[in-house]
Amino acid sequence: EGLERIDQLKKSELAWTTEFKEIKNNNDSYEVIYENDILK
């Protein structure tokens, strides 16, 4: 489903996001599984 905000993502769940700031400031909360220039 679609999320209104990335912080709605629950533990052990995957998501596509463009929210770099949230991920950067919460390194312990999120893990980047895959990123690529083609998908940017």
Full PDB file with SEQRES, HELIX, SHEET, SSBOND, CRYST1, ORIGX, SCALE, CONECT and MASTER records, all heavy atoms in Angstrom:
SEQRES   1 A   40  GLU GLY LEU GLU ARG ILE ASP GLN LEU LYS LYS SER GLU          
SEQRES   2 A   40  LEU ALA TRP THR THR GLU PHE LYS GLU ILE LYS ASN ASN          
SEQRES   3 A   40  ASN ASP SER TYR GLU VAL ILE TYR GLU ASN ASP ILE LEU          
SEQRES   4 A   40  LYS                                                          
HELIX    1 AA1 ILE A    6  GLN A    8  5                                   3    
HELIX    2 AA2 PHE A   20  ASN A   25  1                                   6    
CRYST1    1.000    1.000    1.000  90.00  90.00  90.00 P 1           1          
ORIGX1      1.000000  0.000000  0.000000        0.00000                         
ORIGX2      0.000000  1.000000  0.000000        0.00000                         
ORIGX3      0.000000  0.000000  1.000000        0.00000                         
SCALE1      1.000000  0.000000  0.000000        0.00000                         
SCALE2      0.000000  1.000000  0.000000        0.00000                         
SCALE3      0.000000  0.000000  1.000000        0.00000                         
ATOM      1  N   GLU A   1       0.820  -1.203   0.000  1.00  0.00           N  
ATOM      2  CA  GLU A   1       0.000   0.000   0.000  1.00  0.00           C  
ATOM      3  C   GLU A   1       0.859   1.259   0.000  1.00  0.00           C  
ATOM      4  O   GLU A   1       2.068   1.211   0.203  1.00  0.00           O  
ATOM      5  CB  GLU A   1      -0.900   0.001   1.245  1.00  0.00           C  
ATOM      6  CG  GLU A   1      -0.110   0.022   2.538  1.00  0.00           C  
ATOM      7  CD  GLU A   1      -0.980  -0.113   3.775  1.00  0.00           C  
ATOM      8  OE1 GLU A   1      -2.174  -0.377   3.629  1.00  0.00           O  
ATOM      9  OE2 GLU A   1      -0.444   0.045   4.892  1.00  0.00           O  
ATOM     10  N   GLY A   2       0.215   2.383  -0.235  1.00  0.00           N  
ATOM     11  CA  GLY A   2       0.915   3.651  -0.186  1.00  0.00           C  
ATOM     12  C   GLY A   2       0.945   4.206   1.222  1.00  0.00           C  
ATOM     13  O   GLY A   2       0.001   4.017   2.009  1.00  0.00           O  
ATOM     14  N   LEU A   3       2.048   4.864   1.588  1.00  0.00           N  
ATOM     15  CA  LEU A   3       2.211   5.492   2.900  1.00  0.00           C  
ATOM     16  C   LEU A   3       2.180   7.010   2.735  1.00  0.00           C  
ATOM     17  O   LEU A   3       2.771   7.543   1.805  1.00  0.00           O  
ATOM     18  CB  LEU A   3       3.536   5.078   3.538  1.00  0.00           C  
ATOM     19  CG  LEU A   3       3.798   3.574   3.721  1.00  0.00           C  
ATOM     20  CD1 LEU A   3       5.239   3.362   4.162  1.00  0.00           C  
ATOM     21  CD2 LEU A   3       2.832   2.977   4.728  1.00  0.00           C  
ATOM     22  N   GLU A   4       1.496   7.686   3.651  1.00  0.00           N  
ATOM     23  CA  GLU A   4       1.477   9.142   3.600  1.00  0.00           C  
ATOM     24  C   GLU A   4       2.842   9.713   3.994  1.00  0.00           C  
ATOM     25  O   GLU A   4       3.275  10.727   3.460  1.00  0.00           O  
ATOM     26  CB  GLU A   4       0.390   9.695   4.533  1.00  0.00           C  
ATOM     27  CG  GLU A   4      -1.024   9.286   4.144  1.00  0.00           C  
ATOM     28  CD  GLU A   4      -1.419   9.783   2.762  1.00  0.00           C  
ATOM     29  OE1 GLU A   4      -0.926  10.869   2.353  1.00  0.00           O  
ATOM     30  OE2 GLU A   4      -2.190   9.077   2.077  1.00  0.00           O  
ATOM     31  N   ARG A   5       3.521   9.025   4.943  1.00  0.00           N  
ATOM     32  CA  ARG A   5       4.856   9.432   5.413  1.00  0.00           C  
ATOM     33  C   ARG A   5       5.678   8.180   5.674  1.00  0.00           C  
ATOM     34  O   ARG A   5       5.144   7.117   6.007  1.00  0.00           O  
ATOM     35  CB  ARG A   5       4.772  10.252   6.708  1.00  0.00           C  
ATOM     36  CG  ARG A   5       3.923  11.497   6.620  1.00  0.00           C  
ATOM     37  CD  ARG A   5       3.884  12.226   7.973  1.00  0.00           C  
ATOM     38  NE  ARG A   5       3.617  11.318   9.076  1.00  0.00           N  
ATOM     39  CZ  ARG A   5       2.396  10.900   9.424  1.00  0.00           C  
ATOM     40  NH1 ARG A   5       1.331  11.319   8.750  1.00  0.00           N  
ATOM     41  NH2 ARG A   5       2.239  10.080  10.440  1.00  0.00           N  
ATOM     42  N   ILE A   6       6.987   8.314   5.580  1.00  0.00           N  
ATOM     43  CA  ILE A   6       7.848   7.150   5.760  1.00  0.00           C  
ATOM     44  C   ILE A   6       7.833   6.638   7.183  1.00  0.00           C  
ATOM     45  O   ILE A   6       8.059   5.447   7.431  1.00  0.00           O  
ATOM     46  CB  ILE A   6       9.297   7.480   5.307  1.00  0.00           C  
ATOM     47  CG1 ILE A   6      10.122   6.189   5.184  1.00  0.00           C  
ATOM     48  CG2 ILE A   6       9.958   8.465   6.240  1.00  0.00           C  
ATOM     49  CD1 ILE A   6       9.587   5.206   4.189  1.00  0.00           C  
ATOM     50  N   ASP A   7       7.518   7.512   8.164  1.00  0.00           N  
ATOM     51  CA  ASP A   7       7.507   7.048   9.557  1.00  0.00           C  
ATOM     52  C   ASP A   7       6.310   6.140   9.860  1.00  0.00           C  
ATOM     53  O   ASP A   7       6.193   5.607  10.963  1.00  0.00           O  
ATOM     54  CB  ASP A   7       7.555   8.230  10.536  1.00  0.00           C  
ATOM     55  CG  ASP A   7       6.427   9.219  10.327  1.00  0.00           C  
ATOM     56  OD1 ASP A   7       5.420   8.861   9.671  1.00  0.00           O  
ATOM     57  OD2 ASP A   7       6.558  10.368  10.799  1.00  0.00           O  
ATOM     58  N   GLN A   8       5.416   5.946   8.901  1.00  0.00           N  
ATOM     59  CA  GLN A   8       4.322   4.991   9.070  1.00  0.00           C  
ATOM     60  C   GLN A   8       4.778   3.558   8.806  1.00  0.00           C  
ATOM     61  O   GLN A   8       4.029   2.615   9.074  1.00  0.00           O  
ATOM     62  CB  GLN A   8       3.165   5.340   8.120  1.00  0.00           C  
ATOM     63  CG  GLN A   8       2.457   6.640   8.464  1.00  0.00           C  
ATOM     64  CD  GLN A   8       1.336   6.946   7.480  1.00  0.00           C  
ATOM     65  OE1 GLN A   8       1.432   6.651   6.285  1.00  0.00           O  
ATOM     66  NE2 GLN A   8       0.267   7.543   7.970  1.00  0.00           N  
ATOM     67  N   LEU A   9       5.989   3.413   8.291  1.00  0.00           N  
ATOM     68  CA  LEU A   9       6.521   2.081   8.022  1.00  0.00           C  
ATOM     69  C   LEU A   9       6.774   1.353   9.331  1.00  0.00           C  
ATOM     70  O   LEU A   9       7.353   1.899  10.261  1.00  0.00           O  
ATOM     71  CB  LEU A   9       7.824   2.198   7.226  1.00  0.00           C  
ATOM     72  CG  LEU A   9       8.355   0.925   6.562  1.00  0.00           C  
ATOM     73  CD1 LEU A   9       7.403   0.441   5.478  1.00  0.00           C  
ATOM     74  CD2 LEU A   9       9.739   1.177   5.963  1.00  0.00           C  
ATOM     75  N   LYS A  10       6.328   0.112   9.415  1.00  0.00           N  
ATOM     76  CA  LYS A  10       6.474  -0.677  10.638  1.00  0.00           C  
ATOM     77  C   LYS A  10       7.747  -1.514  10.588  1.00  0.00           C  
ATOM     78  O   LYS A  10       8.376  -1.663   9.549  1.00  0.00           O  
ATOM     79  CB  LYS A  10       5.258  -1.578  10.822  1.00  0.00           C  
ATOM     80  CG  LYS A  10       3.954  -0.807  11.013  1.00  0.00           C  
ATOM     81  CD  LYS A  10       2.765  -1.746  11.116  1.00  0.00           C  
ATOM     82  CE  LYS A  10       1.468  -0.963  11.263  1.00  0.00           C  
ATOM     83  NZ  LYS A  10       0.286  -1.857  11.315  1.00  0.00           N  
ATOM     84  N   LYS A  11       8.093  -2.046  11.752  1.00  0.00           N  
ATOM     85  CA  LYS A  11       9.307  -2.840  11.889  1.00  0.00           C  
ATOM     86  C   LYS A  11       9.300  -4.025  10.922  1.00  0.00           C  
ATOM     87  O   LYS A  11       8.293  -4.702  10.753  1.00  0.00           O  
ATOM     88  CB  LYS A  11       9.444  -3.330  13.332  1.00  0.00           C  
ATOM     89  CG  LYS A  11      10.759  -4.045  13.615  1.00  0.00           C  
ATOM     90  CD  LYS A  11      10.854  -4.457  15.073  1.00  0.00           C  
ATOM     91  CE  LYS A  11      12.182  -5.158  15.345  1.00  0.00           C  
ATOM     92  NZ  LYS A  11      12.301  -5.573  16.769  1.00  0.00           N  
ATOM     93  N   SER A  12      10.461  -4.253  10.274  1.00  0.00           N  
ATOM     94  CA  SER A  12      10.695  -5.362   9.338  1.00  0.00           C  
ATOM     95  C   SER A  12       9.953  -5.197   8.006  1.00  0.00           C  
ATOM     96  O   SER A  12       9.886  -6.136   7.218  1.00  0.00           O  
ATOM     97  CB  SER A  12      10.318  -6.704   9.972  1.00  0.00           C  
ATOM     98  OG  SER A  12      11.082  -6.937  11.130  1.00  0.00           O  
ATOM     99  N   GLU A  13       9.407  -4.011   7.776  1.00  0.00           N  
ATOM    100  CA  GLU A  13       8.715  -3.773   6.517  1.00  0.00           C  
ATOM    101  C   GLU A  13       9.630  -3.056   5.519  1.00  0.00           C  
ATOM    102  O   GLU A  13      10.531  -2.317   5.910  1.00  0.00           O  
ATOM    103  CB  GLU A  13       7.452  -2.941   6.739  1.00  0.00           C  
ATOM    104  CG  GLU A  13       6.341  -3.719   7.427  1.00  0.00           C  
ATOM    105  CD  GLU A  13       5.062  -2.900   7.538  1.00  0.00           C  
ATOM    106  OE1 GLU A  13       5.136  -1.655   7.514  1.00  0.00           O  
ATOM    107  OE2 GLU A  13       3.983  -3.527   7.646  1.00  0.00           O  
ATOM    108  N   LEU A  14       9.349  -3.278   4.237  1.00  0.00           N  
ATOM    109  CA  LEU A  14      10.113  -2.667   3.144  1.00  0.00           C  
ATOM    110  C   LEU A  14       9.298  -1.547   2.497  1.00  0.00           C  
ATOM    111  O   LEU A  14       8.067  -1.584   2.487  1.00  0.00           O  
ATOM    112  CB  LEU A  14      10.445  -3.710   2.084  1.00  0.00           C  
ATOM    113  CG  LEU A  14      11.386  -4.861   2.489  1.00  0.00           C  
ATOM    114  CD1 LEU A  14      11.385  -5.933   1.416  1.00  0.00           C  
ATOM    115  CD2 LEU A  14      12.796  -4.346   2.726  1.00  0.00           C  
ATOM    116  N   ALA A  15      10.011  -0.577   1.954  1.00  0.00           N  
ATOM    117  CA  ALA A  15       9.322   0.519   1.256  1.00  0.00           C  
ATOM    118  C   ALA A  15      10.240   1.181   0.242  1.00  0.00           C  
ATOM    119  O   ALA A  15      11.462   1.213   0.413  1.00  0.00           O  
ATOM    120  CB  ALA A  15       8.813   1.551   2.258  1.00  0.00           C  
ATOM    121  N   TRP A  16       9.607   1.703  -0.802  1.00  0.00           N  
ATOM    122  CA  TRP A  16      10.284   2.594  -1.731  1.00  0.00           C  
ATOM    123  C   TRP A  16      10.090   4.016  -1.227  1.00  0.00           C  
ATOM    124  O   TRP A  16       8.970   4.416  -0.896  1.00  0.00           O  
ATOM    125  CB  TRP A  16       9.696   2.477  -3.137  1.00  0.00           C  
ATOM    126  CG  TRP A  16       9.975   1.181  -3.825  1.00  0.00           C  
ATOM    127  CD1 TRP A  16       9.101   0.168  -4.067  1.00  0.00           C  
ATOM    128  CD2 TRP A  16      11.232   0.772  -4.382  1.00  0.00           C  
ATOM    129  NE1 TRP A  16       9.724  -0.859  -4.722  1.00  0.00           N  
ATOM    130  CE2 TRP A  16      11.042  -0.510  -4.941  1.00  0.00           C  
ATOM    131  CE3 TRP A  16      12.501   1.354  -4.461  1.00  0.00           C  
ATOM    132  CZ2 TRP A  16      12.062  -1.217  -5.556  1.00  0.00           C  
ATOM    133  CZ3 TRP A  16      13.528   0.650  -5.081  1.00  0.00           C  
ATOM    134  CH2 TRP A  16      13.306  -0.615  -5.630  1.00  0.00           C  
ATOM    135  N   THR A  17      11.160   4.784  -1.137  1.00  0.00           N  
ATOM    136  CA  THR A  17      11.063   6.138  -0.617  1.00  0.00           C  
ATOM    137  C   THR A  17      12.085   7.052  -1.280  1.00  0.00           C  
ATOM    138  O   THR A  17      13.088   6.585  -1.822  1.00  0.00           O  
ATOM    139  CB  THR A  17      11.259   6.163   0.912  1.00  0.00           C  
ATOM    140  OG1 THR A  17      11.048   7.482   1.408  1.00  0.00           O  
ATOM    141  CG2 THR A  17      12.671   5.713   1.281  1.00  0.00           C  
ATOM    142  N   THR A  18      11.786   8.336  -1.227  1.00  0.00           N  
ATOM    143  CA  THR A  18      12.754   9.351  -1.673  1.00  0.00           C  
ATOM    144  C   THR A  18      13.237  10.169  -0.483  1.00  0.00           C  
ATOM    145  O   THR A  18      13.970  11.141  -0.650  1.00  0.00           O  
ATOM    146  CB  THR A  18      12.108  10.314  -2.685  1.00  0.00           C  
ATOM    147  OG1 THR A  18      11.030  11.005  -2.053  1.00  0.00           O  
ATOM    148  CG2 THR A  18      11.587   9.572  -3.897  1.00  0.00           C  
ATOM    149  N   GLU A  19      12.805   9.785   0.727  1.00  0.00           N  
ATOM    150  CA  GLU A  19      13.071  10.576   1.929  1.00  0.00           C  
ATOM    151  C   GLU A  19      14.468  10.290   2.457  1.00  0.00           C  
ATOM    152  O   GLU A  19      14.688   9.420   3.290  1.00  0.00           O  
ATOM    153  CB  GLU A  19      12.017  10.245   3.004  1.00  0.00           C  
ATOM    154  CG  GLU A  19      12.068  11.131   4.230  1.00  0.00           C  
ATOM    155  CD  GLU A  19      11.945  12.597   3.886  1.00  0.00           C  
ATOM    156  OE1 GLU A  19      10.867  13.045   3.485  1.00  0.00           O  
ATOM    157  OE2 GLU A  19      12.977  13.283   4.010  1.00  0.00           O  
ATOM    158  N   PHE A  20      15.442  11.028   1.947  1.00  0.00           N  
ATOM    159  CA  PHE A  20      16.833  10.804   2.344  1.00  0.00           C  
ATOM    160  C   PHE A  20      17.115  11.307   3.756  1.00  0.00           C  
ATOM    161  O   PHE A  20      17.864  10.709   4.503  1.00  0.00           O  
ATOM    162  CB  PHE A  20      17.781  11.507   1.364  1.00  0.00           C  
ATOM    163  CG  PHE A  20      17.582  11.065  -0.050  1.00  0.00           C  
ATOM    164  CD1 PHE A  20      17.139  11.968  -1.006  1.00  0.00           C  
ATOM    165  CD2 PHE A  20      17.825   9.763  -0.432  1.00  0.00           C  
ATOM    166  CE1 PHE A  20      16.956  11.571  -2.311  1.00  0.00           C  
ATOM    167  CE2 PHE A  20      17.645   9.360  -1.736  1.00  0.00           C  
ATOM    168  CZ  PHE A  20      17.211  10.269  -2.679  1.00  0.00           C  
ATOM    169  N   LYS A  21      16.539  12.450   4.119  1.00  0.00           N  
ATOM    170  CA  LYS A  21      16.816  13.090   5.404  1.00  0.00           C  
ATOM    171  C   LYS A  21      16.408  12.192   6.560  1.00  0.00           C  
ATOM    172  O   LYS A  21      17.141  12.024   7.537  1.00  0.00           O  
ATOM    173  CB  LYS A  21      16.081  14.429   5.492  1.00  0.00           C  
ATOM    174  CG  LYS A  21      16.369  15.206   6.763  1.00  0.00           C  
ATOM    175  CD  LYS A  21      15.645  16.552   6.746  1.00  0.00           C  
ATOM    176  CE  LYS A  21      15.917  17.308   8.041  1.00  0.00           C  
ATOM    177  NZ  LYS A  21      15.204  18.605   8.070  1.00  0.00           N  
ATOM    178  N   GLU A  22      15.235  11.601   6.453  1.00  0.00           N  
ATOM    179  CA  GLU A  22      14.726  10.747   7.525  1.00  0.00           C  
ATOM    180  C   GLU A  22      15.648   9.550   7.737  1.00  0.00           C  
ATOM    181  O   GLU A  22      15.955   9.173   8.852  1.00  0.00           O  
ATOM    182  CB  GLU A  22      13.316  10.265   7.164  1.00  0.00           C  
ATOM    183  CG  GLU A  22      12.658   9.387   8.234  1.00  0.00           C  
ATOM    184  CD  GLU A  22      12.261  10.182   9.460  1.00  0.00           C  
ATOM    185  OE1 GLU A  22      12.077  11.410   9.351  1.00  0.00           O  
ATOM    186  OE2 GLU A  22      12.161   9.578  10.535  1.00  0.00           O  
ATOM    187  N   ILE A  23      16.103   8.978   6.636  1.00  0.00           N  
ATOM    188  CA  ILE A  23      16.979   7.811   6.732  1.00  0.00           C  
ATOM    189  C   ILE A  23      18.333   8.201   7.323  1.00  0.00           C  
ATOM    190  O   ILE A  23      18.889   7.516   8.168  1.00  0.00           O  
ATOM    191  CB  ILE A  23      17.168   7.181   5.335  1.00  0.00           C  
ATOM    192  CG1 ILE A  23      15.809   6.720   4.795  1.00  0.00           C  
ATOM    193  CG2 ILE A  23      18.124   6.008   5.378  1.00  0.00           C  
ATOM    194  CD1 ILE A  23      15.845   6.345   3.343  1.00  0.00           C  
ATOM    195  N   LYS A  24      18.854   9.340   6.866  1.00  0.00           N  
ATOM    196  CA  LYS A  24      20.171   9.791   7.310  1.00  0.00           C  
ATOM    197  C   LYS A  24      20.198  10.072   8.803  1.00  0.00           C  
ATOM    198  O   LYS A  24      21.167   9.778   9.492  1.00  0.00           O  
ATOM    199  CB  LYS A  24      20.562  11.056   6.535  1.00  0.00           C  
ATOM    200  CG  LYS A  24      21.966  11.548   6.835  1.00  0.00           C  
ATOM    201  CD  LYS A  24      22.301  12.755   5.963  1.00  0.00           C  
ATOM    202  CE  LYS A  24      23.701  13.275   6.277  1.00  0.00           C  
ATOM    203  NZ  LYS A  24      24.025  14.467   5.448  1.00  0.00           N  
ATOM    204  N   ASN A  25      19.123  10.647   9.313  1.00  0.00           N  
ATOM    205  CA  ASN A  25      19.084  11.028  10.729  1.00  0.00           C  
ATOM    206  C   ASN A  25      18.703   9.877  11.648  1.00  0.00           C  
ATOM    207  O   ASN A  25      18.681  10.016  12.869  1.00  0.00           O  
ATOM    208  CB  ASN A  25      18.095  12.187  10.933  1.00  0.00           C  
ATOM    209  CG  ASN A  25      18.585  13.453  10.250  1.00  0.00           C  
ATOM    210  OD1 ASN A  25      19.764  13.599   9.998  1.00  0.00           O  
ATOM    211  ND2 ASN A  25      17.659  14.359   9.956  1.00  0.00           N  
ATOM    212  N   ASN A  26      18.334   8.755  11.085  1.00  0.00           N  
ATOM    213  CA  ASN A  26      17.925   7.604  11.895  1.00  0.00           C  
ATOM    214  C   ASN A  26      18.604   6.337  11.375  1.00  0.00           C  
ATOM    215  O   ASN A  26      17.953   5.394  10.949  1.00  0.00           O  
ATOM    216  CB  ASN A  26      16.401   7.440  11.853  1.00  0.00           C  
ATOM    217  CG  ASN A  26      15.672   8.613  12.468  1.00  0.00           C  
ATOM    218  OD1 ASN A  26      15.466   8.663  13.675  1.00  0.00           O  
ATOM    219  ND2 ASN A  26      15.278   9.564  11.620  1.00  0.00           N  
ATOM    220  N   ASN A  27      19.925   6.369  11.424  1.00  0.00           N  
ATOM    221  CA  ASN A  27      20.678   5.239  10.874  1.00  0.00           C  
ATOM    222  C   ASN A  27      20.351   3.921  11.562  1.00  0.00           C  
ATOM    223  O   ASN A  27      20.465   2.861  10.966  1.00  0.00           O  
ATOM    224  CB  ASN A  27      22.183   5.500  10.982  1.00  0.00           C  
ATOM    225  CG  ASN A  27      22.629   6.563   9.987  1.00  0.00           C  
ATOM    226  OD1 ASN A  27      22.087   6.644   8.907  1.00  0.00           O  
ATOM    227  ND2 ASN A  27      23.601   7.385  10.388  1.00  0.00           N  
ATOM    228  N   ASP A  28      19.970   3.999  12.820  1.00  0.00           N  
ATOM    229  CA  ASP A  28      19.670   2.772  13.551  1.00  0.00           C  
ATOM    230  C   ASP A  28      18.277   2.255  13.227  1.00  0.00           C  
ATOM    231  O   ASP A  28      17.968   1.101  13.531  1.00  0.00           O  
ATOM    232  CB  ASP A  28      19.789   3.023  15.062  1.00  0.00           C  
ATOM    233  CG  ASP A  28      21.220   3.355  15.474  1.00  0.00           C  
ATOM    234  OD1 ASP A  28      22.137   2.911  14.751  1.00  0.00           O  
ATOM    235  OD2 ASP A  28      21.396   4.066  16.477  1.00  0.00           O  
ATOM    236  N   SER A  29      17.445   3.104  12.652  1.00  0.00           N  
ATOM    237  CA  SER A  29      16.053   2.717  12.401  1.00  0.00           C  
ATOM    238  C   SER A  29      15.840   2.163  10.995  1.00  0.00           C  
ATOM    239  O   SER A  29      14.961   1.337  10.785  1.00  0.00           O  
ATOM    240  CB  SER A  29      15.126   3.920  12.603  1.00  0.00           C  
ATOM    241  OG  SER A  29      15.248   4.419  13.919  1.00  0.00           O  
ATOM    242  N   TYR A  30      16.643   2.623  10.040  1.00  0.00           N  
ATOM    243  CA  TYR A  30      16.435   2.237   8.654  1.00  0.00           C  
ATOM    244  C   TYR A  30      17.720   1.698   8.039  1.00  0.00           C  
ATOM    245  O   TYR A  30      18.817   2.128   8.391  1.00  0.00           O  
ATOM    246  CB  TYR A  30      15.962   3.438   7.829  1.00  0.00           C  
ATOM    247  CG  TYR A  30      14.645   4.018   8.276  1.00  0.00           C  
ATOM    248  CD1 TYR A  30      14.611   5.119   9.136  1.00  0.00           C  
ATOM    249  CD2 TYR A  30      13.449   3.483   7.834  1.00  0.00           C  
ATOM    250  CE1 TYR A  30      13.415   5.675   9.549  1.00  0.00           C  
ATOM    251  CE2 TYR A  30      12.236   4.026   8.236  1.00  0.00           C  
ATOM    252  CZ  TYR A  30      12.223   5.115   9.091  1.00  0.00           C  
ATOM    253  OH  TYR A  30      11.029   5.647   9.488  1.00  0.00           O  
ATOM    254  N   GLU A  31      17.518   0.799   7.112  1.00  0.00           N  
ATOM    255  CA  GLU A  31      18.648   0.263   6.352  1.00  0.00           C  
ATOM    256  C   GLU A  31      18.317   0.363   4.861  1.00  0.00           C  
ATOM    257  O   GLU A  31      17.238  -0.044   4.433  1.00  0.00           O  
ATOM    258  CB  GLU A  31      18.905  -1.195   6.711  1.00  0.00           C  
ATOM    259  CG  GLU A  31      20.050  -1.819   5.924  1.00  0.00           C  
ATOM    260  CD  GLU A  31      20.228  -3.299   6.230  1.00  0.00           C  
ATOM    261  OE1 GLU A  31      19.571  -3.808   7.163  1.00  0.00           O  
ATOM    262  OE2 GLU A  31      21.018  -3.946   5.515  1.00  0.00           O  
ATOM    263  N   VAL A  32      19.233   0.927   4.109  1.00  0.00           N  
ATOM    264  CA  VAL A  32      19.044   1.008   2.660  1.00  0.00           C  
ATOM    265  C   VAL A  32      19.397  -0.344   2.050  1.00  0.00           C  
ATOM    266  O   VAL A  32      20.528  -0.796   2.130  1.00  0.00           O  
ATOM    267  CB  VAL A  32      19.908   2.124   2.038  1.00  0.00           C  
ATOM    268  CG1 VAL A  32      19.738   2.128   0.517  1.00  0.00           C  
ATOM    269  CG2 VAL A  32      19.539   3.478   2.618  1.00  0.00           C  
ATOM    270  N   ILE A  33      18.405  -0.964   1.442  1.00  0.00           N  
ATOM    271  CA  ILE A  33      18.598  -2.288   0.835  1.00  0.00           C  
ATOM    272  C   ILE A  33      19.159  -2.171  -0.578  1.00  0.00           C  
ATOM    273  O   ILE A  33      20.040  -2.926  -0.979  1.00  0.00           O  
ATOM    274  CB  ILE A  33      17.262  -3.072   0.797  1.00  0.00           C  
ATOM    275  CG1 ILE A  33      16.704  -3.225   2.216  1.00  0.00           C  
ATOM    276  CG2 ILE A  33      17.450  -4.439   0.147  1.00  0.00           C  
ATOM    277  CD1 ILE A  33      17.603  -3.980   3.157  1.00  0.00           C  
ATOM    278  N   TYR A  34      18.644  -1.186  -1.324  1.00  0.00           N  
ATOM    279  CA  TYR A  34      19.130  -1.034  -2.701  1.00  0.00           C  
ATOM    280  C   TYR A  34      18.897   0.389  -3.183  1.00  0.00           C  
ATOM    281  O   TYR A  34      17.839   0.977  -2.960  1.00  0.00           O  
ATOM    282  CB  TYR A  34      18.407  -2.000  -3.644  1.00  0.00           C  
ATOM    283  CG  TYR A  34      18.987  -2.001  -5.042  1.00  0.00           C  
ATOM    284  CD1 TYR A  34      20.177  -2.669  -5.312  1.00  0.00           C  
ATOM    285  CD2 TYR A  34      18.353  -1.330  -6.084  1.00  0.00           C  
ATOM    286  CE1 TYR A  34      20.727  -2.660  -6.590  1.00  0.00           C  
ATOM    287  CE2 TYR A  34      18.893  -1.326  -7.366  1.00  0.00           C  
ATOM    288  CZ  TYR A  34      20.083  -1.990  -7.605  1.00  0.00           C  
ATOM    289  OH  TYR A  34      20.626  -1.986  -8.870  1.00  0.00           O  
ATOM    290  N   GLU A  35      19.919   0.956  -3.828  1.00  0.00           N  
ATOM    291  CA  GLU A  35      19.781   2.236  -4.506  1.00  0.00           C  
ATOM    292  C   GLU A  35      20.659   2.223  -5.747  1.00  0.00           C  
ATOM    293  O   GLU A  35      21.690   1.548  -5.798  1.00  0.00           O  
ATOM    294  CB  GLU A  35      20.154   3.397  -3.585  1.00  0.00           C  
ATOM    295  CG  GLU A  35      21.580   3.372  -3.075  1.00  0.00           C  
ATOM    296  CD  GLU A  35      21.878   4.577  -2.178  1.00  0.00           C  
ATOM    297  OE1 GLU A  35      21.381   5.683  -2.495  1.00  0.00           O  
ATOM    298  OE2 GLU A  35      22.600   4.412  -1.192  1.00  0.00           O  
ATOM    299  N   ASN A  36      20.214   2.963  -6.755  1.00  0.00           N  
ATOM    300  CA  ASN A  36      20.918   2.961  -8.036  1.00  0.00           C  
ATOM    301  C   ASN A  36      20.560   4.235  -8.784  1.00  0.00           C  
ATOM    302  O   ASN A  36      19.450   4.748  -8.648  1.00  0.00           O  
ATOM    303  CB  ASN A  36      20.518   1.721  -8.853  1.00  0.00           C  
ATOM    304  CG  ASN A  36      21.284   1.610 -10.141  1.00  0.00           C  
ATOM    305  OD1 ASN A  36      20.892   2.209 -11.136  1.00  0.00           O  
ATOM    306  ND2 ASN A  36      22.373   0.846 -10.138  1.00  0.00           N  
ATOM    307  N   ASP A  37      21.481   4.728  -9.597  1.00  0.00           N  
ATOM    308  CA  ASP A  37      21.235   5.963 -10.344  1.00  0.00           C  
ATOM    309  C   ASP A  37      20.027   5.848 -11.279  1.00  0.00           C  
ATOM    310  O   ASP A  37      19.314   6.823 -11.509  1.00  0.00           O  
ATOM    311  CB  ASP A  37      22.470   6.344 -11.155  1.00  0.00           C  
ATOM    312  CG  ASP A  37      23.602   6.867 -10.277  1.00  0.00           C  
ATOM    313  OD1 ASP A  37      23.318   7.244  -9.122  1.00  0.00           O  
ATOM    314  OD2 ASP A  37      24.749   6.888 -10.743  1.00  0.00           O  
ATOM    315  N   ILE A  38      19.814   4.648 -11.824  1.00  0.00           N  
ATOM    316  CA  ILE A  38      18.695   4.440 -12.746  1.00  0.00           C  
ATOM    317  C   ILE A  38      17.359   4.598 -12.022  1.00  0.00           C  
ATOM    318  O   ILE A  38      16.370   5.053 -12.599  1.00  0.00           O  
ATOM    319  CB  ILE A  38      18.772   3.040 -13.400  1.00  0.00           C  
ATOM    320  CG1 ILE A  38      20.093   2.866 -14.157  1.00  0.00           C  
ATOM    321  CG2 ILE A  38      17.593   2.803 -14.343  1.00  0.00           C  
ATOM    322  CD1 ILE A  38      20.290   3.853 -15.277  1.00  0.00           C  
ATOM    323  N   LEU A  39      17.330   4.217 -10.731  1.00  0.00           N  
ATOM    324  CA  LEU A  39      16.086   4.269  -9.959  1.00  0.00           C  
ATOM    325  C   LEU A  39      15.876   5.604  -9.246  1.00  0.00           C  
ATOM    326  O   LEU A  39      14.812   5.831  -8.659  1.00  0.00           O  
ATOM    327  CB  LEU A  39      16.046   3.140  -8.919  1.00  0.00           C  
ATOM    328  CG  LEU A  39      16.214   1.705  -9.437  1.00  0.00           C  
ATOM    329  CD1 LEU A  39      16.063   0.723  -8.295  1.00  0.00           C  
ATOM    330  CD2 LEU A  39      15.201   1.405 -10.527  1.00  0.00           C  
ATOM    331  N   LYS A  40      16.887   6.463  -9.238  1.00  0.00           N  
ATOM    332  CA  LYS A  40      16.765   7.739  -8.539  1.00  0.00           C  
ATOM    333  C   LYS A  40      15.532   8.505  -9.025  1.00  0.00           C  
ATOM    334  O   LYS A  40      15.219   8.472 -10.208  1.00  0.00           O  
ATOM    335  CB  LYS A  40      18.029   8.589  -8.766  1.00  0.00           C  
ATOM    336  CG  LYS A  40      19.163   8.231  -7.832  1.00  0.00           C  
ATOM    337  CD  LYS A  40      20.330   9.206  -8.056  1.00  0.00           C  
ATOM    338  CE  LYS A  40      21.477   8.917  -7.095  1.00  0.00           C  
ATOM    339  NZ  LYS A  40      22.609   9.844  -7.293  1.00  0.00           N  
TER     340      LYS A  40                                                      
MASTER        0    0    0    2    0    0    0    6  339    1    0    4          
END                                                                             
